[in-house]
Amino acid sequence: SYGLEGFYQFSPHFAMNAYLGYTQAKNSPGNGNADI
């Protein structure tokens, strides 16, 4: 899994945060992948 997170506080009364994540799951012990 890979993630990018961040935030910025514009003022004492307003802030924004955001994130983006991707997970690749691999079947074990068989074949196949899943993109999440």
Full PDB file with SEQRES, HELIX, SHEET, SSBOND, CRYST1, ORIGX, SCALE, CONECT and MASTER records, all heavy atoms in Angstrom:
SEQRES   1 A   36  SER TYR GLY LEU GLU GLY PHE TYR GLN PHE SER PRO HIS          
SEQRES   2 A   36  PHE ALA MET ASN ALA TYR LEU GLY TYR THR GLN ALA LYS          
SEQRES   3 A   36  ASN SER PRO GLY ASN GLY ASN ALA ASP ILE                      
SHEET    1 AA1 2 TYR A   2  SER A  11  0                                        
SHEET    2 AA1 2 PHE A  14  TYR A  22 -1                                        
SHEET    1 AA2 2 GLN A  24  LYS A  26  0                                        
SHEET    2 AA2 2 ASN A  33  ASP A  35 -1                                        
CRYST1    1.000    1.000    1.000  90.00  90.00  90.00 P 1           1          
ORIGX1      1.000000  0.000000  0.000000        0.00000                         
ORIGX2      0.000000  1.000000  0.000000        0.00000                         
ORIGX3      0.000000  0.000000  1.000000        0.00000                         
SCALE1      1.000000  0.000000  0.000000        0.00000                         
SCALE2      0.000000  1.000000  0.000000        0.00000                         
SCALE3      0.000000  0.000000  1.000000        0.00000                         
ATOM      1  N   SER A   1       0.843  -1.189   0.000  1.00  0.00           N  
ATOM      2  CA  SER A   1       0.000   0.000   0.000  1.00  0.00           C  
ATOM      3  C   SER A   1       0.879   1.239   0.000  1.00  0.00           C  
ATOM      4  O   SER A   1       1.911   1.300   0.684  1.00  0.00           O  
ATOM      5  CB  SER A   1      -0.915   0.010   1.225  1.00  0.00           C  
ATOM      6  OG  SER A   1      -1.740  -1.141   1.245  1.00  0.00           O  
ATOM      7  N   TYR A   2       0.428   2.244  -0.761  1.00  0.00           N  
ATOM      8  CA  TYR A   2       1.165   3.496  -0.902  1.00  0.00           C  
ATOM      9  C   TYR A   2       0.213   4.654  -0.617  1.00  0.00           C  
ATOM     10  O   TYR A   2      -0.905   4.693  -1.154  1.00  0.00           O  
ATOM     11  CB  TYR A   2       1.739   3.615  -2.313  1.00  0.00           C  
ATOM     12  CG  TYR A   2       2.495   2.389  -2.766  1.00  0.00           C  
ATOM     13  CD1 TYR A   2       1.820   1.326  -3.384  1.00  0.00           C  
ATOM     14  CD2 TYR A   2       3.866   2.275  -2.557  1.00  0.00           C  
ATOM     15  CE1 TYR A   2       2.504   0.184  -3.791  1.00  0.00           C  
ATOM     16  CE2 TYR A   2       4.563   1.138  -2.957  1.00  0.00           C  
ATOM     17  CZ  TYR A   2       3.872   0.091  -3.575  1.00  0.00           C  
ATOM     18  OH  TYR A   2       4.547  -1.040  -3.965  1.00  0.00           O  
ATOM     19  N   GLY A   3       0.664   5.588   0.213  1.00  0.00           N  
ATOM     20  CA  GLY A   3      -0.212   6.693   0.600  1.00  0.00           C  
ATOM     21  C   GLY A   3       0.482   8.034   0.545  1.00  0.00           C  
ATOM     22  O   GLY A   3       1.685   8.148   0.820  1.00  0.00           O  
ATOM     23  N   LEU A   4      -0.268   9.042   0.167  1.00  0.00           N  
ATOM     24  CA  LEU A   4       0.172  10.430   0.193  1.00  0.00           C  
ATOM     25  C   LEU A   4      -0.835  11.205   1.021  1.00  0.00           C  
ATOM     26  O   LEU A   4      -2.033  11.188   0.724  1.00  0.00           O  
ATOM     27  CB  LEU A   4       0.260  11.008  -1.224  1.00  0.00           C  
ATOM     28  CG  LEU A   4       0.509  12.515  -1.342  1.00  0.00           C  
ATOM     29  CD1 LEU A   4       1.876  12.879  -0.767  1.00  0.00           C  
ATOM     30  CD2 LEU A   4       0.392  12.968  -2.792  1.00  0.00           C  
ATOM     31  N   GLU A   5      -0.365  11.875   2.084  1.00  0.00           N  
ATOM     32  CA  GLU A   5      -1.247  12.620   2.982  1.00  0.00           C  
ATOM     33  C   GLU A   5      -0.710  14.028   3.164  1.00  0.00           C  
ATOM     34  O   GLU A   5       0.505  14.250   3.111  1.00  0.00           O  
ATOM     35  CB  GLU A   5      -1.343  11.943   4.355  1.00  0.00           C  
ATOM     36  CG  GLU A   5      -1.727  10.467   4.317  1.00  0.00           C  
ATOM     37  CD  GLU A   5      -0.547   9.551   4.121  1.00  0.00           C  
ATOM     38  OE1 GLU A   5       0.585   9.930   4.518  1.00  0.00           O  
ATOM     39  OE2 GLU A   5      -0.735   8.470   3.524  1.00  0.00           O  
ATOM     40  N   GLY A   6      -1.614  14.966   3.408  1.00  0.00           N  
ATOM     41  CA  GLY A   6      -1.176  16.325   3.647  1.00  0.00           C  
ATOM     42  C   GLY A   6      -2.267  17.176   4.255  1.00  0.00           C  
ATOM     43  O   GLY A   6      -3.454  16.830   4.211  1.00  0.00           O  
ATOM     44  N   PHE A   7      -1.851  18.299   4.858  1.00  0.00           N  
ATOM     45  CA  PHE A   7      -2.812  19.246   5.419  1.00  0.00           C  
ATOM     46  C   PHE A   7      -2.239  20.645   5.351  1.00  0.00           C  
ATOM     47  O   PHE A   7      -1.009  20.840   5.257  1.00  0.00           O  
ATOM     48  CB  PHE A   7      -3.150  18.894   6.877  1.00  0.00           C  
ATOM     49  CG  PHE A   7      -2.066  19.249   7.857  1.00  0.00           C  
ATOM     50  CD1 PHE A   7      -2.062  20.487   8.508  1.00  0.00           C  
ATOM     51  CD2 PHE A   7      -1.039  18.363   8.131  1.00  0.00           C  
ATOM     52  CE1 PHE A   7      -1.050  20.817   9.399  1.00  0.00           C  
ATOM     53  CE2 PHE A   7      -0.020  18.689   9.033  1.00  0.00           C  
ATOM     54  CZ  PHE A   7      -0.031  19.931   9.663  1.00  0.00           C  
ATOM     55  N   TYR A   8      -3.128  21.617   5.368  1.00  0.00           N  
ATOM     56  CA  TYR A   8      -2.719  23.019   5.428  1.00  0.00           C  
ATOM     57  C   TYR A   8      -3.760  23.790   6.217  1.00  0.00           C  
ATOM     58  O   TYR A   8      -4.966  23.676   5.943  1.00  0.00           O  
ATOM     59  CB  TYR A   8      -2.576  23.628   4.033  1.00  0.00           C  
ATOM     60  CG  TYR A   8      -2.030  25.045   4.069  1.00  0.00           C  
ATOM     61  CD1 TYR A   8      -0.670  25.263   4.225  1.00  0.00           C  
ATOM     62  CD2 TYR A   8      -2.867  26.142   3.987  1.00  0.00           C  
ATOM     63  CE1 TYR A   8      -0.140  26.541   4.277  1.00  0.00           C  
ATOM     64  CE2 TYR A   8      -2.362  27.438   4.039  1.00  0.00           C  
ATOM     65  CZ  TYR A   8      -0.994  27.629   4.182  1.00  0.00           C  
ATOM     66  OH  TYR A   8      -0.495  28.898   4.242  1.00  0.00           O  
ATOM     67  N   GLN A   9      -3.311  24.548   7.214  1.00  0.00           N  
ATOM     68  CA  GLN A   9      -4.204  25.369   8.019  1.00  0.00           C  
ATOM     69  C   GLN A   9      -4.129  26.801   7.510  1.00  0.00           C  
ATOM     70  O   GLN A   9      -3.140  27.503   7.695  1.00  0.00           O  
ATOM     71  CB  GLN A   9      -3.827  25.300   9.499  1.00  0.00           C  
ATOM     72  CG  GLN A   9      -4.811  26.026  10.400  1.00  0.00           C  
ATOM     73  CD  GLN A   9      -4.535  25.813  11.873  1.00  0.00           C  
ATOM     74  OE1 GLN A   9      -3.648  25.062  12.242  1.00  0.00           O  
ATOM     75  NE2 GLN A   9      -5.313  26.458  12.719  1.00  0.00           N  
ATOM     76  N   PHE A  10      -5.192  27.235   6.843  1.00  0.00           N  
ATOM     77  CA  PHE A  10      -5.228  28.557   6.243  1.00  0.00           C  
ATOM     78  C   PHE A  10      -5.345  29.659   7.289  1.00  0.00           C  
ATOM     79  O   PHE A  10      -4.813  30.758   7.118  1.00  0.00           O  
ATOM     80  CB  PHE A  10      -6.392  28.659   5.255  1.00  0.00           C  
ATOM     81  CG  PHE A  10      -6.235  27.768   4.055  1.00  0.00           C  
ATOM     82  CD1 PHE A  10      -6.702  26.454   4.069  1.00  0.00           C  
ATOM     83  CD2 PHE A  10      -5.614  28.231   2.921  1.00  0.00           C  
ATOM     84  CE1 PHE A  10      -6.559  25.633   2.970  1.00  0.00           C  
ATOM     85  CE2 PHE A  10      -5.465  27.407   1.801  1.00  0.00           C  
ATOM     86  CZ  PHE A  10      -5.937  26.111   1.833  1.00  0.00           C  
ATOM     87  N   SER A  11      -6.080  29.370   8.360  1.00  0.00           N  
ATOM     88  CA  SER A  11      -6.298  30.348   9.419  1.00  0.00           C  
ATOM     89  C   SER A  11      -6.613  29.585  10.693  1.00  0.00           C  
ATOM     90  O   SER A  11      -6.795  28.358  10.663  1.00  0.00           O  
ATOM     91  CB  SER A  11      -7.450  31.294   9.054  1.00  0.00           C  
ATOM     92  OG  SER A  11      -8.694  30.619   9.148  1.00  0.00           O  
ATOM     93  N   PRO A  12      -6.695  30.259  11.840  1.00  0.00           N  
ATOM     94  CA  PRO A  12      -7.059  29.543  13.070  1.00  0.00           C  
ATOM     95  C   PRO A  12      -8.417  28.856  13.000  1.00  0.00           C  
ATOM     96  O   PRO A  12      -8.683  27.958  13.800  1.00  0.00           O  
ATOM     97  CB  PRO A  12      -7.048  30.656  14.131  1.00  0.00           C  
ATOM     98  CG  PRO A  12      -6.117  31.683  13.597  1.00  0.00           C  
ATOM     99  CD  PRO A  12      -6.314  31.667  12.114  1.00  0.00           C  
ATOM    100  N   HIS A  13      -9.265  29.245  12.046  1.00  0.00           N  
ATOM    101  CA  HIS A  13     -10.614  28.696  11.981  1.00  0.00           C  
ATOM    102  C   HIS A  13     -10.903  27.930  10.703  1.00  0.00           C  
ATOM    103  O   HIS A  13     -12.060  27.609  10.415  1.00  0.00           O  
ATOM    104  CB  HIS A  13     -11.638  29.826  12.134  1.00  0.00           C  
ATOM    105  CG  HIS A  13     -11.487  30.611  13.402  1.00  0.00           C  
ATOM    106  ND1 HIS A  13     -11.759  30.063  14.642  1.00  0.00           N  
ATOM    107  CD2 HIS A  13     -11.064  31.878  13.625  1.00  0.00           C  
ATOM    108  CE1 HIS A  13     -11.525  30.971  15.573  1.00  0.00           C  
ATOM    109  NE2 HIS A  13     -11.097  32.079  14.981  1.00  0.00           N  
ATOM    110  N   PHE A  14      -9.863  27.629   9.913  1.00  0.00           N  
ATOM    111  CA  PHE A  14     -10.095  26.868   8.684  1.00  0.00           C  
ATOM    112  C   PHE A  14      -8.843  26.089   8.311  1.00  0.00           C  
ATOM    113  O   PHE A  14      -7.740  26.646   8.237  1.00  0.00           O  
ATOM    114  CB  PHE A  14     -10.489  27.787   7.536  1.00  0.00           C  
ATOM    115  CG  PHE A  14     -10.630  27.078   6.210  1.00  0.00           C  
ATOM    116  CD1 PHE A  14     -11.506  26.010   6.065  1.00  0.00           C  
ATOM    117  CD2 PHE A  14      -9.867  27.461   5.117  1.00  0.00           C  
ATOM    118  CE1 PHE A  14     -11.623  25.351   4.858  1.00  0.00           C  
ATOM    119  CE2 PHE A  14      -9.976  26.809   3.903  1.00  0.00           C  
ATOM    120  CZ  PHE A  14     -10.874  25.750   3.775  1.00  0.00           C  
ATOM    121  N   ALA A  15      -9.012  24.782   8.074  1.00  0.00           N  
ATOM    122  CA  ALA A  15      -7.910  23.921   7.659  1.00  0.00           C  
ATOM    123  C   ALA A  15      -8.430  22.902   6.654  1.00  0.00           C  
ATOM    124  O   ALA A  15      -9.629  22.560   6.639  1.00  0.00           O  
ATOM    125  CB  ALA A  15      -7.277  23.216   8.852  1.00  0.00           C  
ATOM    126  N   MET A  16      -7.536  22.415   5.834  1.00  0.00           N  
ATOM    127  CA  MET A  16      -7.891  21.401   4.840  1.00  0.00           C  
ATOM    128  C   MET A  16      -6.886  20.270   4.890  1.00  0.00           C  
ATOM    129  O   MET A  16      -5.685  20.510   5.051  1.00  0.00           O  
ATOM    130  CB  MET A  16      -7.927  22.005   3.433  1.00  0.00           C  
ATOM    131  CG  MET A  16      -8.327  21.002   2.351  1.00  0.00           C  
ATOM    132  SD  MET A  16      -8.485  21.769   0.699  1.00  0.00           S  
ATOM    133  CE  MET A  16      -6.749  22.094   0.366  1.00  0.00           C  
ATOM    134  N   ASN A  17      -7.369  19.041   4.792  1.00  0.00           N  
ATOM    135  CA  ASN A  17      -6.471  17.900   4.659  1.00  0.00           C  
ATOM    136  C   ASN A  17      -6.944  17.034   3.496  1.00  0.00           C  
ATOM    137  O   ASN A  17      -8.111  17.107   3.087  1.00  0.00           O  
ATOM    138  CB  ASN A  17      -6.407  17.081   5.954  1.00  0.00           C  
ATOM    139  CG  ASN A  17      -7.648  16.241   6.168  1.00  0.00           C  
ATOM    140  OD1 ASN A  17      -8.727  16.780   6.405  1.00  0.00           O  
ATOM    141  ND2 ASN A  17      -7.518  14.920   6.084  1.00  0.00           N  
ATOM    142  N   ALA A  18      -6.038  16.249   2.961  1.00  0.00           N  
ATOM    143  CA  ALA A  18      -6.367  15.370   1.840  1.00  0.00           C  
ATOM    144  C   ALA A  18      -5.453  14.159   1.874  1.00  0.00           C  
ATOM    145  O   ALA A  18      -4.357  14.204   2.437  1.00  0.00           O  
ATOM    146  CB  ALA A  18      -6.222  16.114   0.511  1.00  0.00           C  
ATOM    147  N   TYR A  19      -5.924  13.075   1.272  1.00  0.00           N  
ATOM    148  CA  TYR A  19      -5.090  11.891   1.155  1.00  0.00           C  
ATOM    149  C   TYR A  19      -5.466  11.105  -0.092  1.00  0.00           C  
ATOM    150  O   TYR A  19      -6.579  11.192  -0.609  1.00  0.00           O  
ATOM    151  CB  TYR A  19      -5.192  11.001   2.403  1.00  0.00           C  
ATOM    152  CG  TYR A  19      -6.554  10.434   2.688  1.00  0.00           C  
ATOM    153  CD1 TYR A  19      -7.056   9.348   1.973  1.00  0.00           C  
ATOM    154  CD2 TYR A  19      -7.348  10.956   3.707  1.00  0.00           C  
ATOM    155  CE1 TYR A  19      -8.309   8.813   2.250  1.00  0.00           C  
ATOM    156  CE2 TYR A  19      -8.588  10.426   3.997  1.00  0.00           C  
ATOM    157  CZ  TYR A  19      -9.057   9.353   3.258  1.00  0.00           C  
ATOM    158  OH  TYR A  19     -10.300   8.829   3.532  1.00  0.00           O  
ATOM    159  N   LEU A  20      -4.499  10.351  -0.597  1.00  0.00           N  
ATOM    160  CA  LEU A  20      -4.670   9.465  -1.739  1.00  0.00           C  
ATOM    161  C   LEU A  20      -3.949   8.171  -1.415  1.00  0.00           C  
ATOM    162  O   LEU A  20      -2.791   8.193  -0.973  1.00  0.00           O  
ATOM    163  CB  LEU A  20      -4.084  10.093  -3.005  1.00  0.00           C  
ATOM    164  CG  LEU A  20      -3.975   9.184  -4.239  1.00  0.00           C  
ATOM    165  CD1 LEU A  20      -5.367   8.779  -4.732  1.00  0.00           C  
ATOM    166  CD2 LEU A  20      -3.178   9.874  -5.347  1.00  0.00           C  
ATOM    167  N   GLY A  21      -4.631   7.037  -1.607  1.00  0.00           N  
ATOM    168  CA  GLY A  21      -4.021   5.764  -1.297  1.00  0.00           C  
ATOM    169  C   GLY A  21      -4.304   4.705  -2.350  1.00  0.00           C  
ATOM    170  O   GLY A  21      -5.368   4.709  -2.990  1.00  0.00           O  
ATOM    171  N   TYR A  22      -3.334   3.815  -2.513  1.00  0.00           N  
ATOM    172  CA  TYR A  22      -3.483   2.700  -3.464  1.00  0.00           C  
ATOM    173  C   TYR A  22      -2.930   1.446  -2.811  1.00  0.00           C  
ATOM    174  O   TYR A  22      -1.822   1.449  -2.236  1.00  0.00           O  
ATOM    175  CB  TYR A  22      -2.734   2.984  -4.758  1.00  0.00           C  
ATOM    176  CG  TYR A  22      -2.566   1.767  -5.640  1.00  0.00           C  
ATOM    177  CD1 TYR A  22      -3.653   1.218  -6.323  1.00  0.00           C  
ATOM    178  CD2 TYR A  22      -1.314   1.154  -5.780  1.00  0.00           C  
ATOM    179  CE1 TYR A  22      -3.492   0.092  -7.135  1.00  0.00           C  
ATOM    180  CE2 TYR A  22      -1.146   0.033  -6.591  1.00  0.00           C  
ATOM    181  CZ  TYR A  22      -2.237  -0.492  -7.258  1.00  0.00           C  
ATOM    182  OH  TYR A  22      -2.091  -1.609  -8.045  1.00  0.00           O  
ATOM    183  N   THR A  23      -3.684   0.366  -2.881  1.00  0.00           N  
ATOM    184  CA  THR A  23      -3.274  -0.923  -2.344  1.00  0.00           C  
ATOM    185  C   THR A  23      -3.358  -1.970  -3.439  1.00  0.00           C  
ATOM    186  O   THR A  23      -4.403  -2.099  -4.103  1.00  0.00           O  
ATOM    187  CB  THR A  23      -4.157  -1.347  -1.161  1.00  0.00           C  
ATOM    188  OG1 THR A  23      -4.001  -0.414  -0.086  1.00  0.00           O  
ATOM    189  CG2 THR A  23      -3.790  -2.739  -0.673  1.00  0.00           C  
ATOM    190  N   GLN A  24      -2.285  -2.712  -3.637  1.00  0.00           N  
ATOM    191  CA  GLN A  24      -2.302  -3.858  -4.545  1.00  0.00           C  
ATOM    192  C   GLN A  24      -2.259  -5.136  -3.721  1.00  0.00           C  
ATOM    193  O   GLN A  24      -1.339  -5.345  -2.934  1.00  0.00           O  
ATOM    194  CB  GLN A  24      -1.114  -3.832  -5.511  1.00  0.00           C  
ATOM    195  CG  GLN A  24      -1.171  -4.962  -6.533  1.00  0.00           C  
ATOM    196  CD  GLN A  24       0.021  -4.994  -7.447  1.00  0.00           C  
ATOM    197  OE1 GLN A  24       1.153  -5.205  -6.993  1.00  0.00           O  
ATOM    198  NE2 GLN A  24      -0.197  -4.770  -8.740  1.00  0.00           N  
ATOM    199  N   ALA A  25      -3.292  -5.951  -3.889  1.00  0.00           N  
ATOM    200  CA  ALA A  25      -3.376  -7.226  -3.172  1.00  0.00           C  
ATOM    201  C   ALA A  25      -3.042  -8.360  -4.130  1.00  0.00           C  
ATOM    202  O   ALA A  25      -3.563  -8.418  -5.252  1.00  0.00           O  
ATOM    203  CB  ALA A  25      -4.774  -7.410  -2.598  1.00  0.00           C  
ATOM    204  N   LYS A  26      -2.163  -9.260  -3.697  1.00  0.00           N  
ATOM    205  CA  LYS A  26      -1.758 -10.402  -4.511  1.00  0.00           C  
ATOM    206  C   LYS A  26      -2.260 -11.684  -3.863  1.00  0.00           C  
ATOM    207  O   LYS A  26      -2.073 -11.908  -2.665  1.00  0.00           O  
ATOM    208  CB  LYS A  26      -0.233 -10.452  -4.630  1.00  0.00           C  
ATOM    209  CG  LYS A  26       0.354  -9.264  -5.379  1.00  0.00           C  
ATOM    210  CD  LYS A  26       1.857  -9.391  -5.501  1.00  0.00           C  
ATOM    211  CE  LYS A  26       2.444  -8.210  -6.273  1.00  0.00           C  
ATOM    212  NZ  LYS A  26       3.918  -8.326  -6.415  1.00  0.00           N  
ATOM    213  N   ASN A  27      -2.919 -12.510  -4.663  1.00  0.00           N  
ATOM    214  CA  ASN A  27      -3.441 -13.771  -4.174  1.00  0.00           C  
ATOM    215  C   ASN A  27      -2.278 -14.663  -3.743  1.00  0.00           C  
ATOM    216  O   ASN A  27      -1.277 -14.795  -4.442  1.00  0.00           O  
ATOM    217  CB  ASN A  27      -4.252 -14.454  -5.271  1.00  0.00           C  
ATOM    218  CG  ASN A  27      -5.000 -15.669  -4.745  1.00  0.00           C  
ATOM    219  OD1 ASN A  27      -5.142 -15.857  -3.539  1.00  0.00           O  
ATOM    220  ND2 ASN A  27      -5.479 -16.505  -5.658  1.00  0.00           N  
ATOM    221  N   SER A  28      -2.411 -15.256  -2.574  1.00  0.00           N  
ATOM    222  CA  SER A  28      -1.349 -16.109  -2.058  1.00  0.00           C  
ATOM    223  C   SER A  28      -1.966 -17.412  -1.570  1.00  0.00           C  
ATOM    224  O   SER A  28      -2.869 -17.399  -0.718  1.00  0.00           O  
ATOM    225  CB  SER A  28      -0.620 -15.404  -0.908  1.00  0.00           C  
ATOM    226  OG  SER A  28       0.380 -16.207  -0.361  1.00  0.00           O  
ATOM    227  N   PRO A  29      -1.536 -18.563  -2.071  1.00  0.00           N  
ATOM    228  CA  PRO A  29      -0.392 -18.763  -2.974  1.00  0.00           C  
ATOM    229  C   PRO A  29      -0.781 -18.825  -4.455  1.00  0.00           C  
ATOM    230  O   PRO A  29       0.069 -19.125  -5.292  1.00  0.00           O  
ATOM    231  CB  PRO A  29       0.147 -20.120  -2.516  1.00  0.00           C  
ATOM    232  CG  PRO A  29      -1.099 -20.866  -2.113  1.00  0.00           C  
ATOM    233  CD  PRO A  29      -2.022 -19.844  -1.520  1.00  0.00           C  
ATOM    234  N   GLY A  30      -2.029 -18.543  -4.802  1.00  0.00           N  
ATOM    235  CA  GLY A  30      -2.468 -18.649  -6.178  1.00  0.00           C  
ATOM    236  C   GLY A  30      -2.115 -17.432  -7.002  1.00  0.00           C  
ATOM    237  O   GLY A  30      -1.280 -16.603  -6.633  1.00  0.00           O  
ATOM    238  N   ASN A  31      -2.783 -17.299  -8.146  1.00  0.00           N  
ATOM    239  CA  ASN A  31      -2.546 -16.192  -9.059  1.00  0.00           C  
ATOM    240  C   ASN A  31      -3.646 -15.147  -8.924  1.00  0.00           C  
ATOM    241  O   ASN A  31      -4.736 -15.424  -8.450  1.00  0.00           O  
ATOM    242  CB  ASN A  31      -2.488 -16.692 -10.503  1.00  0.00           C  
ATOM    243  CG  ASN A  31      -1.351 -17.674 -10.728  1.00  0.00           C  
ATOM    244  OD1 ASN A  31      -0.257 -17.484 -10.184  1.00  0.00           O  
ATOM    245  ND2 ASN A  31      -1.605 -18.714 -11.527  1.00  0.00           N  
ATOM    246  N   GLY A  32      -3.341 -13.950  -9.369  1.00  0.00           N  
ATOM    247  CA  GLY A  32      -4.347 -12.895  -9.376  1.00  0.00           C  
ATOM    248  C   GLY A  32      -3.945 -11.711  -8.515  1.00  0.00           C  
ATOM    249  O   GLY A  32      -3.318 -11.863  -7.464  1.00  0.00           O  
ATOM    250  N   ASN A  33      -4.312 -10.523  -9.007  1.00  0.00           N  
ATOM    251  CA  ASN A  33      -4.079  -9.276  -8.290  1.00  0.00           C  
ATOM    252  C   ASN A  33      -5.379  -8.501  -8.176  1.00  0.00           C  
ATOM    253  O   ASN A  33      -6.319  -8.703  -8.963  1.00  0.00           O  
ATOM    254  CB  ASN A  33      -3.037  -8.403  -9.006  1.00  0.00           C  
ATOM    255  CG  ASN A  33      -1.676  -9.054  -9.069  1.00  0.00           C  
ATOM    256  OD1 ASN A  33      -1.287  -9.785  -8.155  1.00  0.00           O  
ATOM    257  ND2 ASN A  33      -0.945  -8.813 -10.155  1.00  0.00           N  
ATOM    258  N   ALA A  34      -5.433  -7.602  -7.199  1.00  0.00           N  
ATOM    259  CA  ALA A  34      -6.577  -6.711  -7.028  1.00  0.00           C  
ATOM    260  C   ALA A  34      -6.055  -5.304  -6.793  1.00  0.00           C  
ATOM    261  O   ALA A  34      -5.137  -5.098  -5.992  1.00  0.00           O  
ATOM    262  CB  ALA A  34      -7.458  -7.160  -5.865  1.00  0.00           C  
ATOM    263  N   ASP A  35      -6.624  -4.331  -7.502  1.00  0.00           N  
ATOM    264  CA  ASP A  35      -6.246  -2.931  -7.356  1.00  0.00           C  
ATOM    265  C   ASP A  35      -7.302  -2.196  -6.536  1.00  0.00           C  
ATOM    266  O   ASP A  35      -8.485  -2.193  -6.900  1.00  0.00           O  
ATOM    267  CB  ASP A  35      -6.108  -2.269  -8.731  1.00  0.00           C  
ATOM    268  CG  ASP A  35      -5.001  -2.900  -9.561  1.00  0.00           C  
ATOM    269  OD1 ASP A  35      -3.957  -3.224  -8.980  1.00  0.00           O  
ATOM    270  OD2 ASP A  35      -5.194  -3.075 -10.782  1.00  0.00           O  
ATOM    271  N   ILE A  36      -6.863  -1.550  -5.462  1.00  0.00           N  
ATOM    272  CA  ILE A  36      -7.782  -0.920  -4.511  1.00  0.00           C  
ATOM    273  C   ILE A  36      -7.369   0.545  -4.349  1.00  0.00           C  
ATOM    274  O   ILE A  36      -6.191   0.837  -4.083  1.00  0.00           O  
ATOM    275  CB  ILE A  36      -7.744  -1.650  -3.153  1.00  0.00           C  
ATOM    276  CG1 ILE A  36      -8.136  -3.123  -3.338  1.00  0.00           C  
ATOM    277  CG2 ILE A  36      -8.652  -0.961  -2.139  1.00  0.00           C  
ATOM    278  CD1 ILE A  36      -7.653  -4.025  -2.250  1.00  0.00           C  
TER     279      ILE A  36                                                      
MASTER        0    0    0    0    4    0    0    6  278    1    0    3          
END                                                                             
